[in-house]
Amino acid sequence: MQFERREMFMNKIQALANEMKQFFSPQTVTNVYSICKQLEIEIVEAPIQADAYLECENGNSYIVLKESLNSNRKKFTIAHELGHFYIPWHSELMFGCDIKEMDFKNDYAPREKEANLFAAELLMPMKEFKNHFSGKICYTTVSELANIFDVSFQAALNRCIDLAFEDCMVVCSIDRRIKWFNATEDFPLLVNRKTVSELSGADELFDMQIFQVKTIEEPGYIWFCNADERDVVEESIAFPNYNEVISIIPVSYTHLTLP
């Protein structure tokens, strides 16, 4: 019953996002600034601590953005705040948000998850996204999707995780420390590390000062505690401006040691 109720809410949120898109910005690339203008929501940038907050009071509505966010991050953030504005049961007068384009924490507030789902559907509608997505995740595919829908690499990657046909995990490391990981629903392996292994492809990329993509076949135990003797293919992407590496690790089910 709880699962069915959750599915009902998720479907409702997607329907609301599609309704907003079709009415206010039906083209492939969603113009969140135009939507705000049509809804008379003022966008303000300021040196705030949170990524953004939405305030609705006395008939006026504002989205206040952290001024240091990059352009694509601002776009997702505005879409997230539009979710709070448009979802009927998000009725508070103010929401303060640290937007997580990669939603991986089990304790992440339900309404923030809902606003993230709304933002993803508004910017990358599932039906249209699937028309361009093969179901397998790799750097080239994610980059192409990010360009088609004019969103950040992480936002497109998160959408791919939601809709992938093959099981895959994405690991984000900053300064060689694993900050988060996100996987398809039935991903069978368990991450057993807090830092990047010196044997991984990701580790090597931290020593480089340029954007680079590295693909390597390696023992699964480098990342996972239940991979036994199985090898995995790791595709890692270095984002030197953030001292960040994102690793994409798909798996098949042959010879896996399941938990």
Protein backbone atom coordinates (compact mmCIF):
# COMPACT_ATOMS: atom_id res chain seq x y z
CA MET A 1 0.00 0.00 0.00
CA GLN A 2 2.82 2.43 0.87
CA PHE A 3 4.57 1.68 -2.44
CA GLU A 4 1.33 2.25 -4.38
CA ARG A 5 0.76 5.54 -2.56
CA ARG A 6 4.29 6.67 -3.37
CA GLU A 7 3.84 5.76 -7.03
CA MET A 8 0.61 7.73 -7.10
CA PHE A 9 2.39 10.81 -5.74
CA MET A 10 5.28 10.44 -8.19
CA ASN A 11 2.88 10.15 -11.13
CA LYS A 12 1.00 13.20 -9.91
CA ILE A 13 4.20 15.23 -9.66
CA GLN A 14 5.26 14.22 -13.16
CA ALA A 15 1.83 15.17 -14.47
CA LEU A 16 2.09 18.60 -12.81
CA ALA A 17 5.55 19.18 -14.33
CA ASN A 18 4.28 18.18 -17.78
CA GLU A 19 1.30 20.48 -17.35
CA MET A 20 3.58 23.42 -16.55
CA LYS A 21 5.90 22.65 -19.46
CA GLN A 22 3.16 22.26 -22.04
CA PHE A 23 1.43 25.44 -20.97
CA PHE A 24 4.41 27.74 -20.37
CA SER A 25 7.43 26.33 -22.29
CA PRO A 26 6.54 23.51 -24.72
CA GLN A 27 9.79 23.55 -26.72
CA THR A 28 12.50 20.89 -26.11
CA VAL A 29 14.71 23.22 -24.06
CA THR A 30 12.66 24.44 -21.12
CA ASN A 31 12.97 28.17 -20.45
CA VAL A 32 12.59 28.43 -16.69
CA TYR A 33 13.16 32.20 -16.76
CA SER A 34 10.22 32.62 -19.14
CA ILE A 35 8.06 30.42 -16.92
CA CYS A 36 8.88 32.58 -13.90
CA LYS A 37 8.09 35.73 -15.84
CA GLN A 38 4.71 34.35 -16.94
CA LEU A 39 3.92 33.32 -13.37
CA GLU A 40 5.12 36.71 -12.06
CA ILE A 41 7.86 35.11 -9.94
CA GLU A 42 10.81 37.44 -9.51
CA ILE A 43 14.31 35.90 -9.62
CA VAL A 44 16.93 37.52 -7.39
CA GLU A 45 20.59 36.56 -6.98
CA ALA A 46 22.32 37.11 -3.65
CA PRO A 47 25.30 35.79 -1.58
CA ILE A 48 23.13 33.42 0.48
CA GLN A 49 24.17 30.25 2.31
CA ALA A 50 21.56 27.93 0.80
CA ASP A 51 21.47 27.25 -2.94
CA ALA A 52 18.08 28.95 -3.17
CA TYR A 53 14.87 29.73 -1.42
CA LEU A 54 11.32 30.40 -2.51
CA GLU A 55 9.26 33.05 -0.74
CA CYS A 56 5.57 33.75 -1.34
CA GLU A 57 4.01 36.54 0.70
CA ASN A 58 1.39 39.25 0.23
CA GLY A 59 0.70 38.15 -3.33
CA ASN A 60 4.38 38.38 -4.36
CA SER A 61 6.66 35.44 -5.15
CA TYR A 62 10.46 35.39 -5.24
CA ILE A 63 13.13 32.81 -6.02
CA VAL A 64 16.41 33.88 -4.43
CA LEU A 65 19.47 32.13 -5.90
CA LYS A 66 22.99 31.81 -4.58
CA GLU A 67 24.87 34.08 -6.98
CA SER A 68 27.89 31.76 -7.24
CA LEU A 69 25.94 28.92 -8.91
CA ASN A 70 26.84 28.22 -12.54
CA SER A 71 24.23 28.81 -15.25
CA ASN A 72 23.03 25.21 -15.64
CA ARG A 73 22.93 24.69 -11.87
CA LYS A 74 20.82 27.84 -11.59
CA LYS A 75 18.47 26.41 -14.19
CA PHE A 76 17.91 23.18 -12.24
CA THR A 77 17.58 25.15 -9.00
CA ILE A 78 14.88 27.40 -10.45
CA ALA A 79 13.05 24.32 -11.78
CA HIS A 80 13.27 22.80 -8.28
CA GLU A 81 11.80 25.93 -6.69
CA LEU A 82 9.06 25.99 -9.33
CA GLY A 83 8.19 22.52 -8.06
CA HIS A 84 7.66 23.90 -4.56
CA PHE A 85 5.58 26.70 -6.08
CA TYR A 86 3.39 24.44 -8.25
CA ILE A 87 2.93 21.26 -6.20
CA PRO A 88 -0.32 21.86 -4.28
CA TRP A 89 0.73 20.21 -1.00
CA HIS A 90 3.93 22.29 -0.81
CA SER A 91 1.97 25.11 0.77
CA GLU A 92 4.55 26.78 3.04
CA LEU A 93 5.28 30.43 2.39
CA MET A 94 9.03 29.82 2.22
CA PHE A 95 11.33 26.95 1.21
CA GLY A 96 15.10 27.11 1.72
CA CYS A 97 16.93 24.48 -0.33
CA ASP A 98 20.36 23.03 -0.90
CA ILE A 99 19.66 21.47 -4.27
CA LYS A 100 21.02 17.94 -4.79
CA GLU A 101 20.92 17.14 -8.49
CA MET A 102 22.13 13.66 -7.55
CA ASP A 103 19.57 12.46 -5.04
CA PHE A 104 21.23 9.66 -3.08
CA LYS A 105 20.57 10.16 0.64
CA ASN A 106 17.86 7.97 2.12
CA ASP A 107 17.11 10.66 4.72
CA TYR A 108 16.73 13.41 2.15
CA ALA A 109 13.51 15.34 2.91
CA PRO A 110 10.54 13.90 0.96
CA ARG A 111 9.43 17.30 -0.32
CA GLU A 112 12.91 18.01 -1.65
CA LYS A 113 12.84 14.67 -3.48
CA GLU A 114 9.46 15.64 -4.92
CA ALA A 115 10.76 19.02 -6.06
CA ASN A 116 13.77 17.30 -7.65
CA LEU A 117 11.47 14.92 -9.52
CA PHE A 118 9.39 17.88 -10.67
CA ALA A 119 12.53 19.68 -11.88
CA ALA A 120 13.81 16.62 -13.74
CA GLU A 121 10.49 16.12 -15.51
CA LEU A 122 10.15 19.82 -16.31
CA LEU A 123 13.65 20.04 -17.82
CA MET A 124 13.90 16.51 -19.25
CA PRO A 125 10.41 15.04 -19.83
CA MET A 126 10.58 11.26 -19.57
CA LYS A 127 8.87 10.52 -22.88
CA GLU A 128 11.12 12.83 -24.89
CA PHE A 129 14.24 11.88 -22.92
CA LYS A 130 13.69 8.19 -23.72
CA ASN A 131 13.56 9.04 -27.43
CA HIS A 132 17.22 10.10 -27.19
CA PHE A 133 18.47 7.61 -24.58
CA SER A 134 19.60 4.09 -25.46
CA GLY A 135 19.30 2.92 -21.85
CA LYS A 136 23.06 2.45 -21.40
CA ILE A 137 25.05 5.07 -19.52
CA CYS A 138 28.40 6.42 -20.70
CA TYR A 139 30.06 9.81 -20.84
CA THR A 140 29.27 10.42 -24.52
CA THR A 141 25.58 9.60 -24.11
CA VAL A 142 25.16 11.76 -21.00
CA SER A 143 26.98 14.69 -22.62
CA GLU A 144 24.77 14.51 -25.70
CA LEU A 145 21.63 14.46 -23.55
CA ALA A 146 22.89 17.40 -21.49
CA ASN A 147 23.35 19.36 -24.71
CA ILE A 148 19.96 18.40 -26.15
CA PHE A 149 18.06 19.51 -23.04
CA ASP A 150 20.51 22.27 -22.04
CA VAL A 151 21.09 20.95 -18.53
CA SER A 152 24.18 20.16 -16.48
CA PHE A 153 26.07 16.89 -16.89
CA GLN A 154 25.01 15.80 -13.39
CA ALA A 155 21.33 16.53 -14.01
CA ALA A 156 21.38 14.48 -17.24
CA LEU A 157 23.33 11.71 -15.49
CA ASN A 158 20.77 11.53 -12.69
CA ARG A 159 17.97 11.23 -15.24
CA CYS A 160 19.87 8.43 -16.99
CA ILE A 161 20.17 6.54 -13.69
CA ASP A 162 16.38 6.81 -13.29
CA LEU A 163 15.69 5.43 -16.78
CA ALA A 164 18.62 3.10 -17.56
CA PHE A 165 18.05 -0.40 -18.98
CA GLU A 166 21.28 -1.79 -17.51
CA ASP A 167 22.35 -1.71 -13.88
CA CYS A 168 24.89 1.01 -13.21
CA MET A 169 26.41 2.94 -10.34
CA VAL A 170 27.78 6.48 -10.42
CA VAL A 171 30.35 7.54 -7.82
CA CYS A 172 31.37 11.16 -7.23
CA SER A 173 34.73 11.77 -5.57
CA ILE A 174 36.15 15.12 -4.47
CA ASP A 175 39.79 15.38 -3.36
CA ARG A 176 39.88 11.57 -3.56
CA ARG A 177 37.10 11.20 -0.98
CA ILE A 178 33.85 9.54 -2.06
CA LYS A 179 31.17 12.18 -1.53
CA TRP A 180 28.15 10.34 -2.89
CA PHE A 181 27.07 7.46 -5.05
CA ASN A 182 23.85 6.80 -6.93
CA ALA A 183 22.71 3.59 -8.60
CA THR A 184 19.89 2.06 -10.56
CA GLU A 185 17.21 0.53 -8.35
CA ASP A 186 18.37 -3.10 -8.52
CA PHE A 187 22.11 -2.50 -8.62
CA PRO A 188 23.56 -5.62 -6.94
CA LEU A 189 26.95 -4.41 -5.63
CA LEU A 190 27.87 -2.56 -2.44
CA VAL A 191 30.43 0.25 -2.18
CA ASN A 192 32.90 -0.53 0.59
CA ARG A 193 35.14 2.55 0.56
CA LYS A 194 35.27 6.12 1.84
CA THR A 195 38.20 7.11 -0.35
CA VAL A 196 39.17 6.33 -3.93
CA SER A 197 41.48 3.32 -4.32
CA GLU A 198 44.96 4.01 -5.63
CA LEU A 199 44.32 1.19 -8.11
CA SER A 200 41.29 2.87 -9.69
CA GLY A 201 41.18 4.91 -12.84
CA ALA A 202 39.61 7.74 -10.86
CA ASP A 203 42.68 8.10 -8.63
CA GLU A 204 44.98 8.83 -11.56
CA LEU A 205 42.71 11.61 -12.82
CA PHE A 206 43.11 13.64 -9.63
CA ASP A 207 46.73 14.29 -10.58
CA MET A 208 45.72 15.86 -13.89
CA GLN A 209 44.85 19.52 -14.27
CA ILE A 210 42.79 19.12 -17.44
CA PHE A 211 39.39 17.70 -18.29
CA GLN A 212 39.82 14.05 -19.21
CA VAL A 213 37.85 10.82 -19.63
CA LYS A 214 39.51 7.53 -18.70
CA THR A 215 38.13 4.03 -19.24
CA ILE A 216 39.73 1.06 -17.51
CA GLU A 217 38.91 -2.58 -16.77
CA GLU A 218 39.81 -3.46 -13.20
CA PRO A 219 38.99 -5.87 -10.36
CA GLY A 220 35.56 -5.20 -8.91
CA TYR A 221 36.87 -5.30 -5.34
CA ILE A 222 38.51 -1.91 -5.97
CA TRP A 223 35.03 -0.41 -5.57
CA PHE A 224 32.71 -3.11 -4.22
CA CYS A 225 32.74 -5.50 -1.27
CA ASN A 226 30.73 -8.29 -2.96
CA ALA A 227 32.19 -8.38 -6.47
CA ASP A 228 34.26 -11.50 -5.63
CA GLU A 229 36.78 -12.02 -8.45
CA ARG A 230 34.74 -10.22 -11.07
CA ASP A 231 36.21 -7.40 -13.15
CA VAL A 232 34.28 -4.22 -13.88
CA VAL A 233 34.68 -1.44 -16.43
CA GLU A 234 35.09 2.01 -14.90
CA GLU A 235 34.66 5.17 -16.97
CA SER A 236 35.82 8.19 -15.00
CA ILE A 237 35.51 11.84 -15.93
CA ALA A 238 37.69 14.55 -14.38
CA PHE A 239 36.26 17.99 -13.69
CA PRO A 240 39.44 19.81 -12.56
CA ASN A 241 37.69 23.11 -11.79
CA TYR A 242 35.94 21.36 -8.91
CA ASN A 243 38.70 18.81 -8.15
CA GLU A 244 35.96 16.27 -8.82
CA VAL A 245 35.87 12.92 -10.59
CA ILE A 246 32.66 11.14 -11.57
CA SER A 247 32.96 7.40 -12.17
CA ILE A 248 30.38 5.43 -14.17
CA ILE A 249 30.43 1.69 -13.44
CA PRO A 250 27.88 -0.55 -15.23
CA VAL A 251 27.53 -4.25 -14.41
CA SER A 252 26.02 -7.38 -15.87
CA TYR A 253 24.78 -10.26 -13.72
CA THR A 254 27.19 -12.95 -14.88
CA HIS A 255 29.12 -14.48 -11.98
CA LEU A 256 28.10 -11.85 -9.44
CA THR A 257 28.23 -12.71 -5.75
CA LEU A 258 24.98 -11.21 -4.51
CA PRO A 259 24.44 -10.01 -0.94
